[in-house]
Amino acid sequence: MRFGIQIVPEDRWQTARVKWRRAEEMGFDHAWTYDHLNWRAFRAKDWFTFVPTLTAAAVETERIGLGVLVASPNLRHPVYLAKEVAAIEDISGGRLILGLGAGAEGFDATMTRRTAWSRRERTERFVEYVRLTDSLLRQPVTTFDGRYYVADEVHSYPLCQQRPRVPFAVAAGGARGMRLAAEYGSYWVTTGEPNRVESAPYEQALPVVRRQVEALEKACVEAGRDPATVARLLVCGPSVGGVLESPAAFSDAVGRFAEAGITDIVVHWPRPSEPYSGKVEILEKVAEDLDRHRNT
């Protein structure tokens, strides 16, 4: 089992830098941030996007993997995303993980367009988004003529330090998304029950996660890929609650989700209020035991 931490990008950097540096010191394998223009209750509060956040985190840290959960078609054309990713990957010395998702409805979906995309269009865009981003990060020159995205002889220099490109963490719940994760993902990402807006005790998520893991493994077999080569990353907090309630709860959750096929668990840095309210002291106690959990 590997462990990550999601840091809500709400703090000015002099405060945020302490969290990123501390996440590395505590021994987490990877640290993540969001990518939205606005998000839920933070719409009228400070909020930063992933590109400057991870750039600063790359300079502030030395070892820990750095990632975004998740970049989506809502905000960036794949050509711009790929150029930004290549820069962060270079600054970090090859530690970047690129999370990709279809994107949700809400502020991001409507602030820059008159009509929100339908679910079908969002899915179709995501398919093109992943395929084009993959090409842009793998090869020096890319030409792509899709229904939604076009790239005309885009030169991608420098190429990624990680080869063949930065690892993708593909968030998926449906059949088409699972196929993308099987074809392109180094990680598959789930938050548990799809479309749930409030967290529930983690025990309730276990049957859902088991079914999702089975669907991923089926998609891998159909794609001709060994399912064991795709890491399974669970983001706790959005719908899976209680994991950081105590060190004992964390230990129990880790064991249960490992049995369900999860290889990576990501928790949120505790905040003083919802969402993700909790105590940093518990996070620190949990971190003291990460090595033991890795070996169980």
C-alpha atoms as a PDB file:
ATOM      1  CA  MET A   1       0.000   0.000   0.000  1.00  0.00           C
ATOM      2  CA  ARG A   2       1.143   3.547  -0.782  1.00  0.00           C
ATOM      3  CA  PHE A   3      -0.176   6.707   0.831  1.00  0.00           C
ATOM      4  CA  GLY A   4      -0.910  10.184  -0.420  1.00  0.00           C
ATOM      5  CA  ILE A   5      -2.329  13.434   0.860  1.00  0.00           C
ATOM      6  CA  GLN A   6      -4.611  15.911  -0.894  1.00  0.00           C
ATOM      7  CA  ILE A   7      -4.012  19.564  -0.030  1.00  0.00           C
ATOM      8  CA  VAL A   8      -6.891  21.949  -0.717  1.00  0.00           C
ATOM      9  CA  PRO A   9      -5.356  24.931  -2.613  1.00  0.00           C
ATOM     10  CA  GLU A  10      -6.889  27.600  -0.389  1.00  0.00           C
ATOM     11  CA  ASP A  11      -3.826  28.985   1.405  1.00  0.00           C
ATOM     12  CA  ARG A  12      -1.476  31.776   0.424  1.00  0.00           C
ATOM     13  CA  TRP A  13       1.889  30.244  -0.315  1.00  0.00           C
ATOM     14  CA  GLN A  14       3.644  31.195   2.899  1.00  0.00           C
ATOM     15  CA  THR A  15       1.106  29.002   4.692  1.00  0.00           C
ATOM     16  CA  ALA A  16       0.716  26.348   2.011  1.00  0.00           C
ATOM     17  CA  ARG A  17       4.440  25.705   1.688  1.00  0.00           C
ATOM     18  CA  VAL A  18       4.519  24.397   5.256  1.00  0.00           C
ATOM     19  CA  LYS A  19       1.913  21.741   4.401  1.00  0.00           C
ATOM     20  CA  TRP A  20       3.718  20.539   1.266  1.00  0.00           C
ATOM     21  CA  ARG A  21       7.056  20.388   3.025  1.00  0.00           C
ATOM     22  CA  ARG A  22       5.508  18.678   6.045  1.00  0.00           C
ATOM     23  CA  ALA A  23       3.772  16.089   3.822  1.00  0.00           C
ATOM     24  CA  GLU A  24       7.175  15.055   2.526  1.00  0.00           C
ATOM     25  CA  GLU A  25       8.700  14.999   6.004  1.00  0.00           C
ATOM     26  CA  MET A  26       5.865  12.814   7.296  1.00  0.00           C
ATOM     27  CA  GLY A  27       6.707  10.185   4.697  1.00  0.00           C
ATOM     28  CA  PHE A  28       3.769  10.286   2.304  1.00  0.00           C
ATOM     29  CA  ASP A  29       4.478   8.771  -1.099  1.00  0.00           C
ATOM     30  CA  HIS A  30       2.620  11.425  -3.063  1.00  0.00           C
ATOM     31  CA  ALA A  31       0.855  14.759  -2.484  1.00  0.00           C
ATOM     32  CA  TRP A  32      -1.979  16.148  -4.595  1.00  0.00           C
ATOM     33  CA  THR A  33      -4.028  19.254  -5.189  1.00  0.00           C
ATOM     34  CA  TYR A  34      -7.258  20.090  -6.991  1.00  0.00           C
ATOM     35  CA  ASP A  35      -7.769  21.835 -10.311  1.00  0.00           C
ATOM     36  CA  HIS A  36     -10.864  24.037 -10.414  1.00  0.00           C
ATOM     37  CA  LEU A  37     -11.621  27.671 -11.093  1.00  0.00           C
ATOM     38  CA  ASN A  38     -14.048  27.673  -8.170  1.00  0.00           C
ATOM     39  CA  TRP A  39     -15.153  24.828  -5.975  1.00  0.00           C
ATOM     40  CA  ARG A  40     -18.252  24.466  -3.816  1.00  0.00           C
ATOM     41  CA  ALA A  41     -18.107  26.605  -0.651  1.00  0.00           C
ATOM     42  CA  PHE A  42     -14.788  28.147  -1.722  1.00  0.00           C
ATOM     43  CA  ARG A  43     -16.288  30.191  -4.554  1.00  0.00           C
ATOM     44  CA  ALA A  44     -15.934  33.470  -2.677  1.00  0.00           C
ATOM     45  CA  LYS A  45     -12.726  32.463  -0.917  1.00  0.00           C
ATOM     46  CA  ASP A  46      -9.074  32.132  -1.872  1.00  0.00           C
ATOM     47  CA  TRP A  47      -8.503  29.348  -4.384  1.00  0.00           C
ATOM     48  CA  PHE A  48      -5.503  28.543  -6.570  1.00  0.00           C
ATOM     49  CA  THR A  49      -5.162  26.301  -9.637  1.00  0.00           C
ATOM     50  CA  PHE A  50      -2.794  23.376  -9.878  1.00  0.00           C
ATOM     51  CA  VAL A  51      -0.158  24.795 -12.250  1.00  0.00           C
ATOM     52  CA  PRO A  52       1.305  27.485  -9.948  1.00  0.00           C
ATOM     53  CA  THR A  53       0.623  25.371  -6.874  1.00  0.00           C
ATOM     54  CA  LEU A  54       2.533  22.317  -8.081  1.00  0.00           C
ATOM     55  CA  THR A  55       5.287  24.473  -9.560  1.00  0.00           C
ATOM     56  CA  ALA A  56       5.883  26.003  -6.147  1.00  0.00           C
ATOM     57  CA  ALA A  57       5.557  22.609  -4.439  1.00  0.00           C
ATOM     58  CA  ALA A  58       8.132  21.150  -6.825  1.00  0.00           C
ATOM     59  CA  VAL A  59      10.659  23.746  -5.686  1.00  0.00           C
ATOM     60  CA  GLU A  60       9.746  23.339  -2.025  1.00  0.00           C
ATOM     61  CA  THR A  61      10.120  19.525  -1.953  1.00  0.00           C
ATOM     62  CA  GLU A  62      12.706  16.986  -3.090  1.00  0.00           C
ATOM     63  CA  ARG A  63      11.344  13.435  -2.962  1.00  0.00           C
ATOM     64  CA  ILE A  64       7.580  13.222  -2.783  1.00  0.00           C
ATOM     65  CA  GLY A  65       5.494  12.525  -5.873  1.00  0.00           C
ATOM     66  CA  LEU A  66       3.356  15.497  -6.922  1.00  0.00           C
ATOM     67  CA  GLY A  67       0.007  15.290  -8.653  1.00  0.00           C
ATOM     68  CA  VAL A  68      -3.273  16.891  -9.610  1.00  0.00           C
ATOM     69  CA  LEU A  69      -6.622  15.202  -8.944  1.00  0.00           C
ATOM     70  CA  VAL A  70      -7.789  15.921 -11.546  1.00  0.00           C
ATOM     71  CA  ALA A  71      -7.212  18.065 -14.634  1.00  0.00           C
ATOM     72  CA  SER A  72     -10.252  17.994 -16.906  1.00  0.00           C
ATOM     73  CA  PRO A  73     -11.561  19.279 -20.248  1.00  0.00           C
ATOM     74  CA  ASN A  74     -13.456  21.974 -18.334  1.00  0.00           C
ATOM     75  CA  LEU A  75     -10.431  24.233 -18.048  1.00  0.00           C
ATOM     76  CA  ARG A  76      -7.664  23.622 -20.597  1.00  0.00           C
ATOM     77  CA  HIS A  77      -7.088  22.538 -24.159  1.00  0.00           C
ATOM     78  CA  PRO A  78      -4.793  19.476 -24.152  1.00  0.00           C
ATOM     79  CA  VAL A  79      -2.032  21.392 -25.967  1.00  0.00           C
ATOM     80  CA  TYR A  80      -1.800  23.969 -23.178  1.00  0.00           C
ATOM     81  CA  LEU A  81      -2.123  21.296 -20.509  1.00  0.00           C
ATOM     82  CA  ALA A  82       0.716  19.262 -22.012  1.00  0.00           C
ATOM     83  CA  LYS A  83       3.051  22.268 -22.175  1.00  0.00           C
ATOM     84  CA  GLU A  84       2.337  23.134 -18.549  1.00  0.00           C
ATOM     85  CA  VAL A  85       2.801  19.522 -17.469  1.00  0.00           C
ATOM     86  CA  ALA A  86       6.157  19.284 -19.234  1.00  0.00           C
ATOM     87  CA  ALA A  87       7.377  22.380 -17.388  1.00  0.00           C
ATOM     88  CA  ILE A  88       6.279  21.164 -13.944  1.00  0.00           C
ATOM     89  CA  GLU A  89       7.707  17.721 -14.631  1.00  0.00           C
ATOM     90  CA  ASP A  90      11.077  19.288 -15.465  1.00  0.00           C
ATOM     91  CA  ILE A  91      11.070  21.562 -12.403  1.00  0.00           C
ATOM     92  CA  SER A  92      10.173  18.631 -10.131  1.00  0.00           C
ATOM     93  CA  GLY A  93      12.910  16.417 -11.525  1.00  0.00           C
ATOM     94  CA  GLY A  94      10.475  13.828 -12.853  1.00  0.00           C
ATOM     95  CA  ARG A  95       8.090  13.540  -9.870  1.00  0.00           C
ATOM     96  CA  LEU A  96       4.820  14.609 -11.494  1.00  0.00           C
ATOM     97  CA  ILE A  97       1.716  12.415 -11.783  1.00  0.00           C
ATOM     98  CA  LEU A  98      -1.031  13.729 -14.062  1.00  0.00           C
ATOM     99  CA  GLY A  99      -4.539  13.006 -12.846  1.00  0.00           C
ATOM    100  CA  LEU A 100      -7.170  13.235 -15.583  1.00  0.00           C
ATOM    101  CA  GLY A 101     -10.943  13.215 -15.259  1.00  0.00           C
ATOM    102  CA  ALA A 102     -13.981  14.062 -17.357  1.00  0.00           C
ATOM    103  CA  GLY A 103     -14.834  16.942 -15.023  1.00  0.00           C
ATOM    104  CA  ALA A 104     -17.995  17.569 -13.066  1.00  0.00           C
ATOM    105  CA  GLU A 105     -20.939  19.877 -13.499  1.00  0.00           C
ATOM    106  CA  GLY A 106     -20.961  23.151 -11.598  1.00  0.00           C
ATOM    107  CA  PHE A 107     -18.972  26.390 -11.736  1.00  0.00           C
ATOM    108  CA  ASP A 108     -16.159  25.021 -13.896  1.00  0.00           C
ATOM    109  CA  ALA A 109     -18.655  23.718 -16.448  1.00  0.00           C
ATOM    110  CA  THR A 110     -20.537  26.980 -16.954  1.00  0.00           C
ATOM    111  CA  MET A 111     -18.310  29.965 -16.194  1.00  0.00           C
ATOM    112  CA  THR A 112     -16.718  30.043 -19.633  1.00  0.00           C
ATOM    113  CA  ARG A 113     -19.497  28.651 -21.833  1.00  0.00           C
ATOM    114  CA  ARG A 114     -23.167  29.455 -22.346  1.00  0.00           C
ATOM    115  CA  THR A 115     -24.406  25.883 -22.140  1.00  0.00           C
ATOM    116  CA  ALA A 116     -22.969  23.068 -20.060  1.00  0.00           C
ATOM    117  CA  TRP A 117     -21.942  19.983 -21.998  1.00  0.00           C
ATOM    118  CA  SER A 118     -24.257  16.996 -21.904  1.00  0.00           C
ATOM    119  CA  ARG A 119     -23.040  13.874 -20.130  1.00  0.00           C
ATOM    120  CA  ARG A 120     -22.478  12.211 -23.517  1.00  0.00           C
ATOM    121  CA  GLU A 121     -20.432  15.104 -24.882  1.00  0.00           C
ATOM    122  CA  ARG A 122     -18.408  15.307 -21.672  1.00  0.00           C
ATOM    123  CA  THR A 123     -17.525  11.623 -21.995  1.00  0.00           C
ATOM    124  CA  GLU A 124     -16.660  11.907 -25.678  1.00  0.00           C
ATOM    125  CA  ARG A 125     -14.503  14.955 -25.013  1.00  0.00           C
ATOM    126  CA  PHE A 126     -12.687  13.114 -22.271  1.00  0.00           C
ATOM    127  CA  VAL A 127     -11.804  10.248 -24.608  1.00  0.00           C
ATOM    128  CA  GLU A 128     -10.226  12.692 -27.063  1.00  0.00           C
ATOM    129  CA  TYR A 129      -8.650  14.647 -24.215  1.00  0.00           C
ATOM    130  CA  VAL A 130      -6.772  11.636 -22.859  1.00  0.00           C
ATOM    131  CA  ARG A 131      -5.689  10.392 -26.288  1.00  0.00           C
ATOM    132  CA  LEU A 132      -4.387  13.767 -27.439  1.00  0.00           C
ATOM    133  CA  THR A 133      -2.633  14.516 -24.143  1.00  0.00           C
ATOM    134  CA  ASP A 134      -0.974  11.110 -24.348  1.00  0.00           C
ATOM    135  CA  SER A 135       0.339  11.856 -27.836  1.00  0.00           C
ATOM    136  CA  LEU A 136       1.545  15.340 -26.920  1.00  0.00           C
ATOM    137  CA  LEU A 137       3.582  14.022 -23.989  1.00  0.00           C
ATOM    138  CA  ARG A 138       5.012  11.007 -25.816  1.00  0.00           C
ATOM    139  CA  GLN A 139       6.178  12.322 -29.165  1.00  0.00           C
ATOM    140  CA  PRO A 140       8.074  15.397 -30.449  1.00  0.00           C
ATOM    141  CA  VAL A 141       5.439  16.456 -32.993  1.00  0.00           C
ATOM    142  CA  THR A 142       1.697  15.823 -32.840  1.00  0.00           C
ATOM    143  CA  THR A 143      -1.074  16.362 -35.358  1.00  0.00           C
ATOM    144  CA  PHE A 144      -4.576  15.444 -34.242  1.00  0.00           C
ATOM    145  CA  ASP A 145      -7.918  16.017 -35.944  1.00  0.00           C
ATOM    146  CA  GLY A 146     -10.726  15.119 -33.590  1.00  0.00           C
ATOM    147  CA  ARG A 147     -14.336  16.124 -33.245  1.00  0.00           C
ATOM    148  CA  TYR A 148     -13.630  18.381 -30.263  1.00  0.00           C
ATOM    149  CA  TYR A 149      -9.867  18.972 -30.278  1.00  0.00           C
ATOM    150  CA  VAL A 150      -7.383  19.838 -32.984  1.00  0.00           C
ATOM    151  CA  ALA A 151      -3.591  19.987 -32.906  1.00  0.00           C
ATOM    152  CA  ASP A 152      -1.629  21.018 -35.979  1.00  0.00           C
ATOM    153  CA  GLU A 153       2.046  20.042 -35.909  1.00  0.00           C
ATOM    154  CA  VAL A 154       2.454  20.848 -32.223  1.00  0.00           C
ATOM    155  CA  HIS A 155       6.112  20.566 -31.223  1.00  0.00           C
ATOM    156  CA  SER A 156       6.573  19.235 -27.701  1.00  0.00           C
ATOM    157  CA  TYR A 157       9.986  20.138 -26.346  1.00  0.00           C
ATOM    158  CA  PRO A 158      11.248  19.173 -23.891  1.00  0.00           C
ATOM    159  CA  LEU A 159       9.823  15.689 -23.667  1.00  0.00           C
ATOM    160  CA  CYS A 160       9.162  14.235 -20.221  1.00  0.00           C
ATOM    161  CA  GLN A 161      11.976  13.010 -18.010  1.00  0.00           C
ATOM    162  CA  GLN A 162       9.759  10.062 -17.088  1.00  0.00           C
ATOM    163  CA  ARG A 163       9.390   7.752 -20.055  1.00  0.00           C
ATOM    164  CA  PRO A 164       7.443   7.195 -22.113  1.00  0.00           C
ATOM    165  CA  ARG A 165       5.714  10.177 -20.405  1.00  0.00           C
ATOM    166  CA  VAL A 166       4.433  11.306 -17.028  1.00  0.00           C
ATOM    167  CA  PRO A 167       2.188   8.629 -15.490  1.00  0.00           C
ATOM    168  CA  PHE A 168      -1.540   9.204 -15.904  1.00  0.00           C
ATOM    169  CA  ALA A 169      -3.980   8.725 -13.011  1.00  0.00           C
ATOM    170  CA  VAL A 170      -7.320   8.291 -14.778  1.00  0.00           C
ATOM    171  CA  ALA A 171     -10.476   8.927 -12.744  1.00  0.00           C
ATOM    172  CA  ALA A 172     -13.226   6.664 -14.013  1.00  0.00           C
ATOM    173  CA  GLY A 173     -16.460   5.039 -12.946  1.00  0.00           C
ATOM    174  CA  GLY A 174     -18.231   4.160 -16.187  1.00  0.00           C
ATOM    175  CA  ALA A 175     -17.334   1.612 -18.851  1.00  0.00           C
ATOM    176  CA  ARG A 176     -15.682   4.043 -21.276  1.00  0.00           C
ATOM    177  CA  GLY A 177     -13.650   5.647 -18.519  1.00  0.00           C
ATOM    178  CA  MET A 178     -12.519   2.248 -17.280  1.00  0.00           C
ATOM    179  CA  ARG A 179     -11.323   1.405 -20.788  1.00  0.00           C
ATOM    180  CA  LEU A 180      -9.305   4.626 -20.852  1.00  0.00           C
ATOM    181  CA  ALA A 181      -7.770   3.780 -17.478  1.00  0.00           C
ATOM    182  CA  ALA A 182      -6.895   0.301 -18.739  1.00  0.00           C
ATOM    183  CA  GLU A 183      -5.337   1.658 -21.918  1.00  0.00           C
ATOM    184  CA  TYR A 184      -3.554   4.789 -20.660  1.00  0.00           C
ATOM    185  CA  GLY A 185      -3.441   4.782 -16.870  1.00  0.00           C
ATOM    186  CA  SER A 186      -0.611   4.009 -14.507  1.00  0.00           C
ATOM    187  CA  TYR A 187      -3.244   4.654 -11.830  1.00  0.00           C
ATOM    188  CA  TRP A 188      -7.003   4.315 -11.809  1.00  0.00           C
ATOM    189  CA  VAL A 189      -8.703   6.810  -9.472  1.00  0.00           C
ATOM    190  CA  THR A 190     -11.954   6.486  -7.544  1.00  0.00           C
ATOM    191  CA  THR A 191     -13.647   8.514  -4.824  1.00  0.00           C
ATOM    192  CA  GLY A 192     -16.019   5.678  -4.001  1.00  0.00           C
ATOM    193  CA  GLU A 193     -19.712   5.976  -4.783  1.00  0.00           C
ATOM    194  CA  PRO A 194     -20.184   8.125  -7.926  1.00  0.00           C
ATOM    195  CA  ASN A 195     -22.012  11.453  -7.631  1.00  0.00           C
ATOM    196  CA  ARG A 196     -22.250  11.314  -3.854  1.00  0.00           C
ATOM    197  CA  VAL A 197     -21.990  14.862  -2.458  1.00  0.00           C
ATOM    198  CA  GLU A 198     -21.603  13.984   1.226  1.00  0.00           C
ATOM    199  CA  SER A 199     -19.208  11.558   2.855  1.00  0.00           C
ATOM    200  CA  ALA A 200     -20.412   8.375   4.544  1.00  0.00           C
ATOM    201  CA  PRO A 201     -18.578   5.904   6.809  1.00  0.00           C
ATOM    202  CA  TYR A 202     -15.872   4.145   4.838  1.00  0.00           C
ATOM    203  CA  GLU A 203     -17.395   0.741   5.528  1.00  0.00           C
ATOM    204  CA  GLN A 204     -20.322   1.680   3.271  1.00  0.00           C
ATOM    205  CA  ALA A 205     -17.967   2.308   0.358  1.00  0.00           C
ATOM    206  CA  LEU A 206     -16.372  -1.140   0.410  1.00  0.00           C
ATOM    207  CA  PRO A 207     -18.963  -2.945  -1.783  1.00  0.00           C
ATOM    208  CA  VAL A 208     -18.882  -0.098  -4.324  1.00  0.00           C
ATOM    209  CA  VAL A 209     -15.092  -0.071  -4.450  1.00  0.00           C
ATOM    210  CA  ARG A 210     -14.952  -3.866  -4.846  1.00  0.00           C
ATOM    211  CA  ARG A 211     -17.318  -3.695  -7.826  1.00  0.00           C
ATOM    212  CA  GLN A 212     -15.299  -0.870  -9.351  1.00  0.00           C
ATOM    213  CA  VAL A 213     -12.033  -2.805  -8.976  1.00  0.00           C
ATOM    214  CA  GLU A 214     -13.654  -5.809 -10.652  1.00  0.00           C
ATOM    215  CA  ALA A 215     -14.809  -3.588 -13.525  1.00  0.00           C
ATOM    216  CA  LEU A 216     -11.316  -2.171 -13.906  1.00  0.00           C
ATOM    217  CA  GLU A 217      -9.761  -5.631 -13.977  1.00  0.00           C
ATOM    218  CA  LYS A 218     -12.272  -6.719 -16.613  1.00  0.00           C
ATOM    219  CA  ALA A 219     -11.450  -3.653 -18.720  1.00  0.00           C
ATOM    220  CA  CYS A 220      -7.736  -4.447 -18.439  1.00  0.00           C
ATOM    221  CA  VAL A 221      -8.249  -8.027 -19.595  1.00  0.00           C
ATOM    222  CA  GLU A 222     -10.335  -6.823 -22.538  1.00  0.00           C
ATOM    223  CA  ALA A 223      -7.577  -4.351 -23.435  1.00  0.00           C
ATOM    224  CA  GLY A 224      -4.933  -7.074 -23.257  1.00  0.00           C
ATOM    225  CA  ARG A 225      -3.276  -5.600 -20.178  1.00  0.00           C
ATOM    226  CA  ASP A 226      -2.268  -7.280 -16.947  1.00  0.00           C
ATOM    227  CA  PRO A 227      -4.593  -5.763 -14.289  1.00  0.00           C
ATOM    228  CA  ALA A 228      -1.759  -5.870 -11.759  1.00  0.00           C
ATOM    229  CA  THR A 229       0.078  -3.182 -13.752  1.00  0.00           C
ATOM    230  CA  VAL A 230      -2.568  -0.548 -12.949  1.00  0.00           C
ATOM    231  CA  ALA A 231      -2.428   0.966  -9.447  1.00  0.00           C
ATOM    232  CA  ARG A 232      -5.833   1.565  -7.794  1.00  0.00           C
ATOM    233  CA  LEU A 233      -6.020   4.894  -5.979  1.00  0.00           C
ATOM    234  CA  LEU A 234      -8.839   5.755  -3.574  1.00  0.00           C
ATOM    235  CA  VAL A 235      -9.354   9.409  -2.643  1.00  0.00           C
ATOM    236  CA  CYS A 236     -10.960   9.517   0.791  1.00  0.00           C
ATOM    237  CA  GLY A 237     -13.063  12.474   1.866  1.00  0.00           C
ATOM    238  CA  PRO A 238     -15.489  13.417  -0.917  1.00  0.00           C
ATOM    239  CA  SER A 239     -17.680  10.365  -0.306  1.00  0.00           C
ATOM    240  CA  VAL A 240     -15.546   8.036   1.827  1.00  0.00           C
ATOM    241  CA  GLY A 241     -15.522   9.382   5.371  1.00  0.00           C
ATOM    242  CA  GLY A 242     -14.096   8.473   8.752  1.00  0.00           C
ATOM    243  CA  VAL A 243     -10.676   7.319   7.586  1.00  0.00           C
ATOM    244  CA  LEU A 244      -8.871  10.014   9.593  1.00  0.00           C
ATOM    245  CA  GLU A 245     -11.174   9.837  12.602  1.00  0.00           C
ATOM    246  CA  SER A 246      -8.431   8.095  14.579  1.00  0.00           C
ATOM    247  CA  PRO A 247      -5.251   6.055  14.010  1.00  0.00           C
ATOM    248  CA  ALA A 248      -7.298   2.915  14.677  1.00  0.00           C
ATOM    249  CA  ALA A 249      -9.869   3.891  12.028  1.00  0.00           C
ATOM    250  CA  PHE A 250      -7.089   4.574   9.531  1.00  0.00           C
ATOM    251  CA  SER A 251      -5.508   1.192  10.199  1.00  0.00           C
ATOM    252  CA  ASP A 252      -8.852  -0.563   9.818  1.00  0.00           C
ATOM    253  CA  ALA A 253      -9.678   1.284   6.585  1.00  0.00           C
ATOM    254  CA  VAL A 254      -6.270   0.514   5.096  1.00  0.00           C
ATOM    255  CA  GLY A 255      -6.705  -3.192   5.759  1.00  0.00           C
ATOM    256  CA  ARG A 256     -10.227  -3.336   4.375  1.00  0.00           C
ATOM    257  CA  PHE A 257      -9.476  -1.391   1.218  1.00  0.00           C
ATOM    258  CA  ALA A 258      -6.299  -3.366   0.597  1.00  0.00           C
ATOM    259  CA  GLU A 259      -8.418  -6.524   0.650  1.00  0.00           C
ATOM    260  CA  ALA A 260     -10.758  -4.842  -1.855  1.00  0.00           C
ATOM    261  CA  GLY A 261      -7.841  -4.314  -4.253  1.00  0.00           C
ATOM    262  CA  ILE A 262      -6.828  -0.710  -3.518  1.00  0.00           C
ATOM    263  CA  THR A 263      -3.075  -0.023  -3.752  1.00  0.00           C
ATOM    264  CA  ASP A 264      -2.986   3.699  -2.886  1.00  0.00           C
ATOM    265  CA  ILE A 265      -5.009   5.641  -0.313  1.00  0.00           C
ATOM    266  CA  VAL A 266      -5.157   9.442  -0.365  1.00  0.00           C
ATOM    267  CA  VAL A 267      -6.457  11.417   2.609  1.00  0.00           C
ATOM    268  CA  HIS A 268      -7.067  15.161   2.872  1.00  0.00           C
ATOM    269  CA  TRP A 269      -5.002  17.501   4.957  1.00  0.00           C
ATOM    270  CA  PRO A 270      -7.377  18.193   7.878  1.00  0.00           C
ATOM    271  CA  ARG A 271      -9.115  21.570   7.868  1.00  0.00           C
ATOM    272  CA  PRO A 272     -10.622  23.424  10.845  1.00  0.00           C
ATOM    273  CA  SER A 273     -14.089  23.272   9.240  1.00  0.00           C
ATOM    274  CA  GLU A 274     -15.956  21.283   6.616  1.00  0.00           C
ATOM    275  CA  PRO A 275     -15.195  20.034   4.095  1.00  0.00           C
ATOM    276  CA  TYR A 276     -12.510  17.667   5.403  1.00  0.00           C
ATOM    277  CA  SER A 277     -12.542  18.923   8.961  1.00  0.00           C
ATOM    278  CA  GLY A 278     -10.247  17.084  11.332  1.00  0.00           C
ATOM    279  CA  LYS A 279      -7.182  17.276  13.510  1.00  0.00           C
ATOM    280  CA  VAL A 280      -3.651  17.585  12.184  1.00  0.00           C
ATOM    281  CA  GLU A 281      -2.510  15.783  15.337  1.00  0.00           C
ATOM    282  CA  ILE A 282      -4.280  12.619  14.146  1.00  0.00           C
ATOM    283  CA  LEU A 283      -2.699  12.963  10.711  1.00  0.00           C
ATOM    284  CA  GLU A 284       0.721  13.168  12.338  1.00  0.00           C
ATOM    285  CA  LYS A 285       0.054  10.060  14.443  1.00  0.00           C
ATOM    286  CA  VAL A 286      -1.144   8.206  11.359  1.00  0.00           C
ATOM    287  CA  ALA A 287       2.000   9.243   9.489  1.00  0.00           C
ATOM    288  CA  GLU A 288       4.196   7.737  12.196  1.00  0.00           C
ATOM    289  CA  ASP A 289       2.827   4.319  11.268  1.00  0.00           C
ATOM    290  CA  LEU A 290       2.914   4.517   7.465  1.00  0.00           C
ATOM    291  CA  ASP A 291       5.867   2.153   7.115  1.00  0.00           C
ATOM    292  CA  ARG A 292       4.059  -0.545   9.052  1.00  0.00           C
ATOM    293  CA  HIS A 293       0.968  -0.150   6.879  1.00  0.00           C
ATOM    294  CA  ARG A 294       3.055  -0.325   3.714  1.00  0.00           C
ATOM    295  CA  ASN A 295       4.294  -3.739   4.709  1.00  0.00           C
ATOM    296  CA  THR A 296       0.986  -5.284   5.757  1.00  0.00           C
END
